[in-house]
Amino acid sequence: MKKYYYTIGEVANLLELKTHVLRYWEKEFPQVHPKKKFGRNRKYSPDDIEILKKIKYMLHIQGFTIDGAKKKLKEEMKHREQLNLDFSLDKKKLKNRIKEELLEVKKILSKE
């Protein structure tokens, strides 16, 4: 069963990292923002975990520096946000088009 939130220990085990590394990355990368519940326990979402996997890959496999990984991740997030924005604009256009067509149907039906 997939969980909605994971503890820092679970994430550390999953990514084969130490918890202090996760806490450091949390300070360095604003894209990682686990929720902090009562007692300041961190709860990482699946999205947080995906970002952490990407950071680990960039730092440990691709050889990025912290600064380089920050820049790359920021660019990718900006690009992703732009795609989401474009998609939402398309949904608005579609919604308006459906609304216009329904108004046309309403006019036709009211004439009968």
PDB file of N, CA and C in Angstrom:
ATOM      1  N   MET A   1       0.847  -1.188   0.000  1.00  0.00           N
ATOM      2  CA  MET A   1       0.000   0.000   0.000  1.00  0.00           C
ATOM      3  C   MET A   1       0.890   1.249   0.000  1.00  0.00           C
ATOM      4  N   LYS A   2       0.556   2.172  -0.863  1.00  0.00           N
ATOM      5  CA  LYS A   2       1.314   3.423  -0.957  1.00  0.00           C
ATOM      6  C   LYS A   2       0.874   4.371   0.153  1.00  0.00           C
ATOM      7  N   LYS A   3       1.855   4.980   0.799  1.00  0.00           N
ATOM      8  CA  LYS A   3       1.572   5.904   1.886  1.00  0.00           C
ATOM      9  C   LYS A   3       1.516   7.331   1.358  1.00  0.00           C
ATOM     10  N   TYR A   4       0.817   8.177   2.106  1.00  0.00           N
ATOM     11  CA  TYR A   4       0.740   9.587   1.739  1.00  0.00           C
ATOM     12  C   TYR A   4       1.959  10.352   2.243  1.00  0.00           C
ATOM     13  N   TYR A   5       2.483   9.931   3.404  1.00  0.00           N
ATOM     14  CA  TYR A   5       3.633  10.589   3.989  1.00  0.00           C
ATOM     15  C   TYR A   5       4.591   9.558   4.568  1.00  0.00           C
ATOM     16  N   TYR A   6       5.865   9.899   4.535  1.00  0.00           N
ATOM     17  CA  TYR A   6       6.911   9.028   5.043  1.00  0.00           C
ATOM     18  C   TYR A   6       7.754   9.789   6.056  1.00  0.00           C
ATOM     19  N   THR A   7       8.262   9.079   7.052  1.00  0.00           N
ATOM     20  CA  THR A   7       9.123   9.710   8.044  1.00  0.00           C
ATOM     21  C   THR A   7      10.515   9.901   7.452  1.00  0.00           C
ATOM     22  N   ILE A   8      11.318  10.705   8.124  1.00  0.00           N
ATOM     23  CA  ILE A   8      12.675  10.954   7.650  1.00  0.00           C
ATOM     24  C   ILE A   8      13.491   9.658   7.666  1.00  0.00           C
ATOM     25  N   GLY A   9      13.250   8.799   8.660  1.00  0.00           N
ATOM     26  CA  GLY A   9      13.955   7.522   8.720  1.00  0.00           C
ATOM     27  C   GLY A   9      13.601   6.612   7.558  1.00  0.00           C
ATOM     28  N   GLU A  10      12.312   6.576   7.207  1.00  0.00           N
ATOM     29  CA  GLU A  10      11.877   5.760   6.070  1.00  0.00           C
ATOM     30  C   GLU A  10      12.493   6.262   4.762  1.00  0.00           C
ATOM     31  N   VAL A  11      12.520   7.578   4.588  1.00  0.00           N
ATOM     32  CA  VAL A  11      13.087   8.166   3.374  1.00  0.00           C
ATOM     33  C   VAL A  11      14.589   7.914   3.315  1.00  0.00           C
ATOM     34  N   ALA A  12      15.263   8.056   4.458  1.00  0.00           N
ATOM     35  CA  ALA A  12      16.699   7.805   4.511  1.00  0.00           C
ATOM     36  C   ALA A  12      17.007   6.363   4.121  1.00  0.00           C
ATOM     37  N   ASN A  13      16.233   5.412   4.635  1.00  0.00           N
ATOM     38  CA  ASN A  13      16.424   4.006   4.271  1.00  0.00           C
ATOM     39  C   ASN A  13      16.142   3.766   2.796  1.00  0.00           C
ATOM     40  N   LEU A  14      15.076   4.356   2.312  1.00  0.00           N
ATOM     41  CA  LEU A  14      14.689   4.184   0.914  1.00  0.00           C
ATOM     42  C   LEU A  14      15.769   4.696  -0.037  1.00  0.00           C
ATOM     43  N   LEU A  15      16.341   5.856   0.285  1.00  0.00           N
ATOM     44  CA  LEU A  15      17.337   6.482  -0.592  1.00  0.00           C
ATOM     45  C   LEU A  15      18.777   6.105  -0.238  1.00  0.00           C
ATOM     46  N   GLU A  16      18.913   5.307   0.828  1.00  0.00           N
ATOM     47  CA  GLU A  16      20.240   4.896   1.300  1.00  0.00           C
ATOM     48  C   GLU A  16      21.120   6.114   1.620  1.00  0.00           C
ATOM     49  N   LEU A  17      20.534   7.000   2.417  1.00  0.00           N
ATOM     50  CA  LEU A  17      21.224   8.218   2.860  1.00  0.00           C
ATOM     51  C   LEU A  17      21.084   8.332   4.366  1.00  0.00           C
ATOM     52  N   LYS A  18      21.894   9.168   4.958  1.00  0.00           N
ATOM     53  CA  LYS A  18      21.783   9.473   6.385  1.00  0.00           C
ATOM     54  C   LYS A  18      20.738  10.571   6.577  1.00  0.00           C
ATOM     55  N   THR A  19      20.107  10.570   7.727  1.00  0.00           N
ATOM     56  CA  THR A  19      19.061  11.570   7.973  1.00  0.00           C
ATOM     57  C   THR A  19      19.628  12.991   7.976  1.00  0.00           C
ATOM     58  N   HIS A  20      20.875  13.149   8.436  1.00  0.00           N
ATOM     59  CA  HIS A  20      21.430  14.508   8.451  1.00  0.00           C
ATOM     60  C   HIS A  20      21.637  15.042   7.027  1.00  0.00           C
ATOM     61  N   VAL A  21      21.849  14.142   6.069  1.00  0.00           N
ATOM     62  CA  VAL A  21      21.979  14.561   4.663  1.00  0.00           C
ATOM     63  C   VAL A  21      20.634  15.102   4.166  1.00  0.00           C
ATOM     64  N   LEU A  22      19.564  14.401   4.511  1.00  0.00           N
ATOM     65  CA  LEU A  22      18.227  14.870   4.110  1.00  0.00           C
ATOM     66  C   LEU A  22      17.914  16.232   4.719  1.00  0.00           C
ATOM     67  N   ARG A  23      18.261  16.405   5.978  1.00  0.00           N
ATOM     68  CA  ARG A  23      18.012  17.696   6.630  1.00  0.00           C
ATOM     69  C   ARG A  23      18.843  18.808   5.973  1.00  0.00           C
ATOM     70  N   TYR A  24      20.076  18.492   5.591  1.00  0.00           N
ATOM     71  CA  TYR A  24      20.923  19.469   4.910  1.00  0.00           C
ATOM     72  C   TYR A  24      20.330  19.829   3.544  1.00  0.00           C
ATOM     73  N   TRP A  25      19.932  18.816   2.785  1.00  0.00           N
ATOM     74  CA  TRP A  25      19.349  19.080   1.467  1.00  0.00           C
ATOM     75  C   TRP A  25      18.067  19.894   1.586  1.00  0.00           C
ATOM     76  N   GLU A  26      17.332  19.654   2.646  1.00  0.00           N
ATOM     77  CA  GLU A  26      16.105  20.411   2.879  1.00  0.00           C
ATOM     78  C   GLU A  26      16.410  21.905   3.023  1.00  0.00           C
ATOM     79  N   LYS A  27      17.542  22.224   3.650  1.00  0.00           N
ATOM     80  CA  LYS A  27      17.949  23.630   3.802  1.00  0.00           C
ATOM     81  C   LYS A  27      18.465  24.207   2.490  1.00  0.00           C
ATOM     82  N   GLU A  28      19.155  23.393   1.718  1.00  0.00           N
ATOM     83  CA  GLU A  28      19.786  23.857   0.482  1.00  0.00           C
ATOM     84  C   GLU A  28      18.830  23.944  -0.710  1.00  0.00           C
ATOM     85  N   PHE A  29      17.843  23.059  -0.755  1.00  0.00           N
ATOM     86  CA  PHE A  29      16.934  22.979  -1.908  1.00  0.00           C
ATOM     87  C   PHE A  29      15.518  23.352  -1.465  1.00  0.00           C
ATOM     88  N   PRO A  30      15.045  24.542  -1.841  1.00  0.00           N
ATOM     89  CA  PRO A  30      13.713  24.968  -1.406  1.00  0.00           C
ATOM     90  C   PRO A  30      12.584  24.119  -1.988  1.00  0.00           C
ATOM     91  N   GLN A  31      12.889  23.322  -3.003  1.00  0.00           N
ATOM     92  CA  GLN A  31      11.861  22.464  -3.606  1.00  0.00           C
ATOM     93  C   GLN A  31      11.460  21.318  -2.665  1.00  0.00           C
ATOM     94  N   VAL A  32      12.338  20.999  -1.724  1.00  0.00           N
ATOM     95  CA  VAL A  32      12.058  19.941  -0.751  1.00  0.00           C
ATOM     96  C   VAL A  32      11.485  20.598   0.494  1.00  0.00           C
ATOM     97  N   HIS A  33      10.229  20.337   0.744  1.00  0.00           N
ATOM     98  CA  HIS A  33       9.599  20.962   1.912  1.00  0.00           C
ATOM     99  C   HIS A  33       8.623  19.982   2.567  1.00  0.00           C
ATOM    100  N   PRO A  34       9.191  19.082   3.386  1.00  0.00           N
ATOM    101  CA  PRO A  34       8.302  18.149   4.089  1.00  0.00           C
ATOM    102  C   PRO A  34       7.437  18.889   5.101  1.00  0.00           C
ATOM    103  N   LYS A  35       6.277  18.331   5.338  1.00  0.00           N
ATOM    104  CA  LYS A  35       5.409  18.923   6.352  1.00  0.00           C
ATOM    105  C   LYS A  35       5.993  18.580   7.720  1.00  0.00           C
ATOM    106  N   LYS A  36       5.867  19.516   8.633  1.00  0.00           N
ATOM    107  CA  LYS A  36       6.341  19.268   9.996  1.00  0.00           C
ATOM    108  C   LYS A  36       5.128  19.231  10.907  1.00  0.00           C
ATOM    109  N   LYS A  37       4.897  18.072  11.485  1.00  0.00           N
ATOM    110  CA  LYS A  37       3.745  17.866  12.370  1.00  0.00           C
ATOM    111  C   LYS A  37       4.135  18.173  13.808  1.00  0.00           C
ATOM    112  N   PHE A  38       3.271  17.825  14.713  1.00  0.00           N
ATOM    113  CA  PHE A  38       3.512  18.037  16.137  1.00  0.00           C
ATOM    114  C   PHE A  38       4.862  17.452  16.522  1.00  0.00           C
ATOM    115  N   GLY A  39       5.620  18.174  17.302  1.00  0.00           N
ATOM    116  CA  GLY A  39       6.937  17.709  17.701  1.00  0.00           C
ATOM    117  C   GLY A  39       7.971  17.873  16.597  1.00  0.00           C
ATOM    118  N   ARG A  40       7.598  18.617  15.561  1.00  0.00           N
ATOM    119  CA  ARG A  40       8.504  18.904  14.446  1.00  0.00           C
ATOM    120  C   ARG A  40       8.931  17.661  13.664  1.00  0.00           C
ATOM    121  N   ASN A  41       8.140  16.612  13.712  1.00  0.00           N
ATOM    122  CA  ASN A  41       8.452  15.423  12.915  1.00  0.00           C
ATOM    123  C   ASN A  41       8.192  15.714  11.449  1.00  0.00           C
ATOM    124  N   ARG A  42       9.170  15.402  10.620  1.00  0.00           N
ATOM    125  CA  ARG A  42       9.034  15.637   9.188  1.00  0.00           C
ATOM    126  C   ARG A  42       8.205  14.526   8.553  1.00  0.00           C
ATOM    127  N   LYS A  43       7.327  14.930   7.635  1.00  0.00           N
ATOM    128  CA  LYS A  43       6.524  13.982   6.873  1.00  0.00           C
ATOM    129  C   LYS A  43       6.744  14.279   5.396  1.00  0.00           C
ATOM    130  N   TYR A  44       7.459  13.399   4.718  1.00  0.00           N
ATOM    131  CA  TYR A  44       7.794  13.590   3.317  1.00  0.00           C
ATOM    132  C   TYR A  44       6.707  13.001   2.424  1.00  0.00           C
ATOM    133  N   SER A  45       6.284  13.769   1.442  1.00  0.00           N
ATOM    134  CA  SER A  45       5.293  13.307   0.475  1.00  0.00           C
ATOM    135  C   SER A  45       6.013  12.531  -0.632  1.00  0.00           C
ATOM    136  N   PRO A  46       5.273  11.760  -1.426  1.00  0.00           N
ATOM    137  CA  PRO A  46       5.895  11.089  -2.580  1.00  0.00           C
ATOM    138  C   PRO A  46       6.575  12.082  -3.536  1.00  0.00           C
ATOM    139  N   ASP A  47       6.028  13.288  -3.676  1.00  0.00           N
ATOM    140  CA  ASP A  47       6.664  14.308  -4.517  1.00  0.00           C
ATOM    141  C   ASP A  47       8.013  14.735  -3.940  1.00  0.00           C
ATOM    142  N   ASP A  48       8.059  14.906  -2.614  1.00  0.00           N
ATOM    143  CA  ASP A  48       9.331  15.245  -1.968  1.00  0.00           C
ATOM    144  C   ASP A  48      10.369  14.156  -2.236  1.00  0.00           C
ATOM    145  N   ILE A  49       9.934  12.913  -2.146  1.00  0.00           N
ATOM    146  CA  ILE A  49      10.850  11.786  -2.344  1.00  0.00           C
ATOM    147  C   ILE A  49      11.377  11.769  -3.771  1.00  0.00           C
ATOM    148  N   GLU A  50      10.517  12.060  -4.738  1.00  0.00           N
ATOM    149  CA  GLU A  50      10.969  12.103  -6.139  1.00  0.00           C
ATOM    150  C   GLU A  50      12.016  13.197  -6.346  1.00  0.00           C
ATOM    151  N   ILE A  51      11.810  14.338  -5.731  1.00  0.00           N
ATOM    152  CA  ILE A  51      12.778  15.430  -5.841  1.00  0.00           C
ATOM    153  C   ILE A  51      14.102  15.016  -5.188  1.00  0.00           C
ATOM    154  N   LEU A  52      14.013  14.368  -4.016  1.00  0.00           N
ATOM    155  CA  LEU A  52      15.223  13.906  -3.341  1.00  0.00           C
ATOM    156  C   LEU A  52      15.977  12.876  -4.183  1.00  0.00           C
ATOM    157  N   LYS A  53      15.240  12.004  -4.855  1.00  0.00           N
ATOM    158  CA  LYS A  53      15.888  11.020  -5.747  1.00  0.00           C
ATOM    159  C   LYS A  53      16.633  11.745  -6.862  1.00  0.00           C
ATOM    160  N   LYS A  54      16.007  12.770  -7.399  1.00  0.00           N
ATOM    161  CA  LYS A  54      16.627  13.537  -8.478  1.00  0.00           C
ATOM    162  C   LYS A  54      17.889  14.247  -7.972  1.00  0.00           C
ATOM    163  N   ILE A  55      17.804  14.822  -6.782  1.00  0.00           N
ATOM    164  CA  ILE A  55      18.966  15.495  -6.200  1.00  0.00           C
ATOM    165  C   ILE A  55      20.099  14.494  -5.994  1.00  0.00           C
ATOM    166  N   LYS A  56      19.772  13.338  -5.442  1.00  0.00           N
ATOM    167  CA  LYS A  56      20.793  12.312  -5.216  1.00  0.00           C
ATOM    168  C   LYS A  56      21.444  11.902  -6.532  1.00  0.00           C
ATOM    169  N   TYR A  57      20.626  11.712  -7.559  1.00  0.00           N
ATOM    170  CA  TYR A  57      21.154  11.324  -8.871  1.00  0.00           C
ATOM    171  C   TYR A  57      22.092  12.402  -9.422  1.00  0.00           C
ATOM    172  N   MET A  58      21.673  13.656  -9.329  1.00  0.00           N
ATOM    173  CA  MET A  58      22.506  14.741  -9.853  1.00  0.00           C
ATOM    174  C   MET A  58      23.830  14.843  -9.094  1.00  0.00           C
ATOM    175  N   LEU A  59      23.781  14.719  -7.774  1.00  0.00           N
ATOM    176  CA  LEU A  59      24.993  14.884  -6.965  1.00  0.00           C
ATOM    177  C   LEU A  59      25.906  13.651  -7.009  1.00  0.00           C
ATOM    178  N   HIS A  60      25.318  12.475  -6.868  1.00  0.00           N
ATOM    179  CA  HIS A  60      26.125  11.263  -6.720  1.00  0.00           C
ATOM    180  C   HIS A  60      26.473  10.589  -8.039  1.00  0.00           C
ATOM    181  N   ILE A  61      25.622  10.683  -9.041  1.00  0.00           N
ATOM    182  CA  ILE A  61      25.858   9.996 -10.317  1.00  0.00           C
ATOM    183  C   ILE A  61      26.387  10.966 -11.371  1.00  0.00           C
ATOM    184  N   GLN A  62      25.702  12.086 -11.533  1.00  0.00           N
ATOM    185  CA  GLN A  62      26.086  13.037 -12.578  1.00  0.00           C
ATOM    186  C   GLN A  62      27.243  13.945 -12.165  1.00  0.00           C
ATOM    187  N   GLY A  63      27.544  14.011 -10.887  1.00  0.00           N
ATOM    188  CA  GLY A  63      28.679  14.792 -10.432  1.00  0.00           C
ATOM    189  C   GLY A  63      28.442  16.290 -10.317  1.00  0.00           C
ATOM    190  N   PHE A  64      27.193  16.704 -10.192  1.00  0.00           N
ATOM    191  CA  PHE A  64      26.885  18.120 -10.008  1.00  0.00           C
ATOM    192  C   PHE A  64      27.382  18.587  -8.643  1.00  0.00           C
ATOM    193  N   THR A  65      27.723  19.856  -8.556  1.00  0.00           N
ATOM    194  CA  THR A  65      27.953  20.487  -7.253  1.00  0.00           C
ATOM    195  C   THR A  65      26.585  20.843  -6.683  1.00  0.00           C
ATOM    196  N   ILE A  66      26.560  21.230  -5.411  1.00  0.00           N
ATOM    197  CA  ILE A  66      25.291  21.659  -4.797  1.00  0.00           C
ATOM    198  C   ILE A  66      24.710  22.827  -5.583  1.00  0.00           C
ATOM    199  N   ASP A  67      25.551  23.826  -5.890  1.00  0.00           N
ATOM    200  CA  ASP A  67      25.074  24.992  -6.639  1.00  0.00           C
ATOM    201  C   ASP A  67      24.575  24.607  -8.028  1.00  0.00           C
ATOM    202  N   GLY A  68      25.302  23.729  -8.693  1.00  0.00           N
ATOM    203  CA  GLY A  68      24.897  23.286 -10.025  1.00  0.00           C
ATOM    204  C   GLY A  68      23.573  22.535  -9.985  1.00  0.00           C
ATOM    205  N   ALA A  69      23.411  21.675  -8.987  1.00  0.00           N
ATOM    206  CA  ALA A  69      22.160  20.925  -8.839  1.00  0.00           C
ATOM    207  C   ALA A  69      21.004  21.873  -8.522  1.00  0.00           C
ATOM    208  N   LYS A  70      21.273  22.895  -7.704  1.00  0.00           N
ATOM    209  CA  LYS A  70      20.228  23.883  -7.389  1.00  0.00           C
ATOM    210  C   LYS A  70      19.726  24.566  -8.653  1.00  0.00           C
ATOM    211  N   LYS A  71      20.687  25.011  -9.482  1.00  0.00           N
ATOM    212  CA  LYS A  71      20.322  25.716 -10.719  1.00  0.00           C
ATOM    213  C   LYS A  71      19.541  24.802 -11.658  1.00  0.00           C
ATOM    214  N   LYS A  72      20.028  23.583 -11.828  1.00  0.00           N
ATOM    215  CA  LYS A  72      19.381  22.630 -12.733  1.00  0.00           C
ATOM    216  C   LYS A  72      17.966  22.308 -12.256  1.00  0.00           C
ATOM    217  N   LEU A  73      17.821  22.052 -10.966  1.00  0.00           N
ATOM    218  CA  LEU A  73      16.510  21.721 -10.415  1.00  0.00           C
ATOM    219  C   LEU A  73      15.556  22.905 -10.532  1.00  0.00           C
ATOM    220  N   LYS A  74      16.076  24.103 -10.300  1.00  0.00           N
ATOM    221  CA  LYS A  74      15.246  25.306 -10.422  1.00  0.00           C
ATOM    222  C   LYS A  74      14.736  25.467 -11.853  1.00  0.00           C
ATOM    223  N   GLU A  75      15.621  25.234 -12.843  1.00  0.00           N
ATOM    224  CA  GLU A  75      15.223  25.316 -14.250  1.00  0.00           C
ATOM    225  C   GLU A  75      14.156  24.284 -14.583  1.00  0.00           C
ATOM    226  N   GLU A  76      14.360  23.050 -14.104  1.00  0.00           N
ATOM    227  CA  GLU A  76      13.391  21.986 -14.383  1.00  0.00           C
ATOM    228  C   GLU A  76      12.041  22.272 -13.748  1.00  0.00           C
ATOM    229  N   MET A  77      12.049  22.800 -12.522  1.00  0.00           N
ATOM    230  CA  MET A  77      10.792  23.122 -11.847  1.00  0.00           C
ATOM    231  C   MET A  77      10.073  24.261 -12.558  1.00  0.00           C
ATOM    232  N   LYS A  78      10.826  25.240 -13.032  1.00  0.00           N
ATOM    233  CA  LYS A  78      10.241  26.356 -13.767  1.00  0.00           C
ATOM    234  C   LYS A  78       9.599  25.843 -15.056  1.00  0.00           C
ATOM    235  N   HIS A  79      10.298  24.941 -15.734  1.00  0.00           N
ATOM    236  CA  HIS A  79       9.773  24.358 -16.967  1.00  0.00           C
ATOM    237  C   HIS A  79       8.502  23.556 -16.675  1.00  0.00           C
ATOM    238  N   ARG A  80       8.507  22.791 -15.588  1.00  0.00           N
ATOM    239  CA  ARG A  80       7.335  21.993 -15.215  1.00  0.00           C
ATOM    240  C   ARG A  80       6.146  22.896 -14.902  1.00  0.00           C
ATOM    241  N   GLU A  81       6.408  24.001 -14.185  1.00  0.00           N
ATOM    242  CA  GLU A  81       5.338  24.949 -13.865  1.00  0.00           C
ATOM    243  C   GLU A  81       4.760  25.563 -15.127  1.00  0.00           C
ATOM    244  N   GLN A  82       5.621  25.846 -16.107  1.00  0.00           N
ATOM    245  CA  GLN A  82       5.150  26.421 -17.363  1.00  0.00           C
ATOM    246  C   GLN A  82       4.258  25.428 -18.094  1.00  0.00           C
ATOM    247  N   LEU A  83       4.638  24.149 -18.083  1.00  0.00           N
ATOM    248  CA  LEU A  83       3.805  23.126 -18.717  1.00  0.00           C
ATOM    249  C   LEU A  83       2.450  23.035 -18.031  1.00  0.00           C
ATOM    250  N   ASN A  84       2.444  23.084 -16.701  1.00  0.00           N
ATOM    251  CA  ASN A  84       1.184  23.036 -15.962  1.00  0.00           C
ATOM    252  C   ASN A  84       0.333  24.254 -16.272  1.00  0.00           C
ATOM    253  N   LEU A  85       0.965  25.418 -16.391  1.00  0.00           N
ATOM    254  CA  LEU A  85       0.246  26.638 -16.724  1.00  0.00           C
ATOM    255  C   LEU A  85      -0.374  26.528 -18.113  1.00  0.00           C
ATOM    256  N   ASP A  86       0.413  26.029 -19.082  1.00  0.00           N
ATOM    257  CA  ASP A  86      -0.105  25.857 -20.432  1.00  0.00           C
ATOM    258  C   ASP A  86      -1.293  24.906 -20.436  1.00  0.00           C
ATOM    259  N   PHE A  87      -1.206  23.826 -19.657  1.00  0.00           N
ATOM    260  CA  PHE A  87      -2.292  22.862 -19.595  1.00  0.00           C
ATOM    261  C   PHE A  87      -3.537  23.488 -19.000  1.00  0.00           C
ATOM    262  N   SER A  88      -3.365  24.283 -17.945  1.00  0.00           N
ATOM    263  CA  SER A  88      -4.529  24.909 -17.314  1.00  0.00           C
ATOM    264  C   SER A  88      -5.158  25.934 -18.249  1.00  0.00           C
ATOM    265  N   LEU A  89      -4.352  26.633 -19.060  1.00  0.00           N
ATOM    266  CA  LEU A  89      -4.916  27.567 -20.033  1.00  0.00           C
ATOM    267  C   LEU A  89      -5.734  26.825 -21.078  1.00  0.00           C
ATOM    268  N   ASP A  90      -5.249  25.657 -21.512  1.00  0.00           N
ATOM    269  CA  ASP A  90      -6.002  24.849 -22.464  1.00  0.00           C
ATOM    270  C   ASP A  90      -7.326  24.404 -21.862  1.00  0.00           C
ATOM    271  N   LYS A  91      -7.338  24.064 -20.576  1.00  0.00           N
ATOM    272  CA  LYS A  91      -8.576  23.667 -19.921  1.00  0.00           C
ATOM    273  C   LYS A  91      -9.552  24.832 -19.886  1.00  0.00           C
ATOM    274  N   LYS A  92      -9.051  26.039 -19.666  1.00  0.00           N
ATOM    275  CA  LYS A  92      -9.928  27.213 -19.643  1.00  0.00           C
ATOM    276  C   LYS A  92     -10.551  27.433 -21.023  1.00  0.00           C
ATOM    277  N   LYS A  93      -9.733  27.302 -22.070  1.00  0.00           N
ATOM    278  CA  LYS A  93     -10.255  27.470 -23.423  1.00  0.00           C
ATOM    279  C   LYS A  93     -11.327  26.431 -23.724  1.00  0.00           C
ATOM    280  N   LEU A  94     -11.063  25.193 -23.324  1.00  0.00           N
ATOM    281  CA  LEU A  94     -12.017  24.118 -23.551  1.00  0.00           C
ATOM    282  C   LEU A  94     -13.317  24.388 -22.792  1.00  0.00           C
ATOM    283  N   LYS A  95     -13.197  24.836 -21.555  1.00  0.00           N
ATOM    284  CA  LYS A  95     -14.367  25.134 -20.739  1.00  0.00           C
ATOM    285  C   LYS A  95     -15.200  26.244 -21.392  1.00  0.00           C
ATOM    286  N   ASN A  96     -14.531  27.294 -21.859  1.00  0.00           N
ATOM    287  CA  ASN A  96     -15.247  28.392 -22.520  1.00  0.00           C
ATOM    288  C   ASN A  96     -15.934  27.920 -23.795  1.00  0.00           C
ATOM    289  N   ARG A  97     -15.251  27.077 -24.541  1.00  0.00           N
ATOM    290  CA  ARG A  97     -15.834  26.559 -25.789  1.00  0.00           C
ATOM    291  C   ARG A  97     -17.076  25.720 -25.499  1.00  0.00           C
ATOM    292  N   ILE A  98     -17.011  24.872 -24.492  1.00  0.00           N
ATOM    293  CA  ILE A  98     -18.173  24.053 -24.114  1.00  0.00           C
ATOM    294  C   ILE A  98     -19.313  24.941 -23.653  1.00  0.00           C
ATOM    295  N   LYS A  99     -18.977  25.973 -22.886  1.00  0.00           N
ATOM    296  CA  LYS A  99     -19.994  26.905 -22.399  1.00  0.00           C
ATOM    297  C   LYS A  99     -20.702  27.592 -23.571  1.00  0.00           C
ATOM    298  N   GLU A 100     -19.913  28.035 -24.555  1.00  0.00           N
ATOM    299  CA  GLU A 100     -20.497  28.678 -25.737  1.00  0.00           C
ATOM    300  C   GLU A 100     -21.407  27.719 -26.492  1.00  0.00           C
ATOM    301  N   GLU A 101     -20.983  26.476 -26.650  1.00  0.00           N
ATOM    302  CA  GLU A 101     -21.797  25.496 -27.366  1.00  0.00           C
ATOM    303  C   GLU A 101     -23.097  25.202 -26.614  1.00  0.00           C
ATOM    304  N   LEU A 102     -23.008  25.123 -25.283  1.00  0.00           N
ATOM    305  CA  LEU A 102     -24.215  24.888 -24.489  1.00  0.00           C
ATOM    306  C   LEU A 102     -25.186  26.056 -24.602  1.00  0.00           C
ATOM    307  N   LEU A 103     -24.663  27.275 -24.659  1.00  0.00           N
ATOM    308  CA  LEU A 103     -25.535  28.435 -24.850  1.00  0.00           C
ATOM    309  C   LEU A 103     -26.233  28.382 -26.205  1.00  0.00           C
ATOM    310  N   GLU A 104     -25.517  27.914 -27.226  1.00  0.00           N
ATOM    311  CA  GLU A 104     -26.118  27.754 -28.551  1.00  0.00           C
ATOM    312  C   GLU A 104     -27.236  26.720 -28.518  1.00  0.00           C
ATOM    313  N   VAL A 105     -26.990  25.620 -27.830  1.00  0.00           N
ATOM    314  CA  VAL A 105     -28.018  24.569 -27.701  1.00  0.00           C
ATOM    315  C   VAL A 105     -29.221  25.141 -26.963  1.00  0.00           C
ATOM    316  N   LYS A 106     -28.968  25.903 -25.924  1.00  0.00           N
ATOM    317  CA  LYS A 106     -30.050  26.507 -25.152  1.00  0.00           C
ATOM    318  C   LYS A 106     -30.909  27.421 -26.032  1.00  0.00           C
ATOM    319  N   LYS A 107     -30.233  28.210 -26.889  1.00  0.00           N
ATOM    320  CA  LYS A 107     -30.972  29.110 -27.814  1.00  0.00           C
ATOM    321  C   LYS A 107     -31.840  28.299 -28.754  1.00  0.00           C
ATOM    322  N   ILE A 108     -31.276  27.237 -29.304  1.00  0.00           N
ATOM    323  CA  ILE A 108     -32.019  26.400 -30.241  1.00  0.00           C
ATOM    324  C   ILE A 108     -33.220  25.768 -29.559  1.00  0.00           C
ATOM    325  N   LEU A 109     -33.041  25.257 -28.362  1.00  0.00           N
ATOM    326  CA  LEU A 109     -34.134  24.622 -27.641  1.00  0.00           C
ATOM    327  C   LEU A 109     -35.216  25.604 -27.209  1.00  0.00           C
ATOM    328  N   SER A 110     -34.807  26.818 -26.899  1.00  0.00           N
ATOM    329  CA  SER A 110     -35.793  27.823 -26.473  1.00  0.00           C
ATOM    330  C   SER A 110     -36.659  28.298 -27.623  1.00  0.00           C
ATOM    331  N   LYS A 111     -36.182  28.133 -28.883  1.00  0.00           N
ATOM    332  CA  LYS A 111     -36.956  28.518 -30.046  1.00  0.00           C
ATOM    333  C   LYS A 111     -38.050  27.510 -30.357  1.00  0.00           C
ATOM    334  N   GLU A 112     -37.894  26.295 -29.896  1.00  0.00           N
ATOM    335  CA  GLU A 112     -38.885  25.251 -30.209  1.00  0.00           C
ATOM    336  C   GLU A 112     -40.117  25.337 -29.386  1.00  0.00           C
TER     337      GLU A 112
END
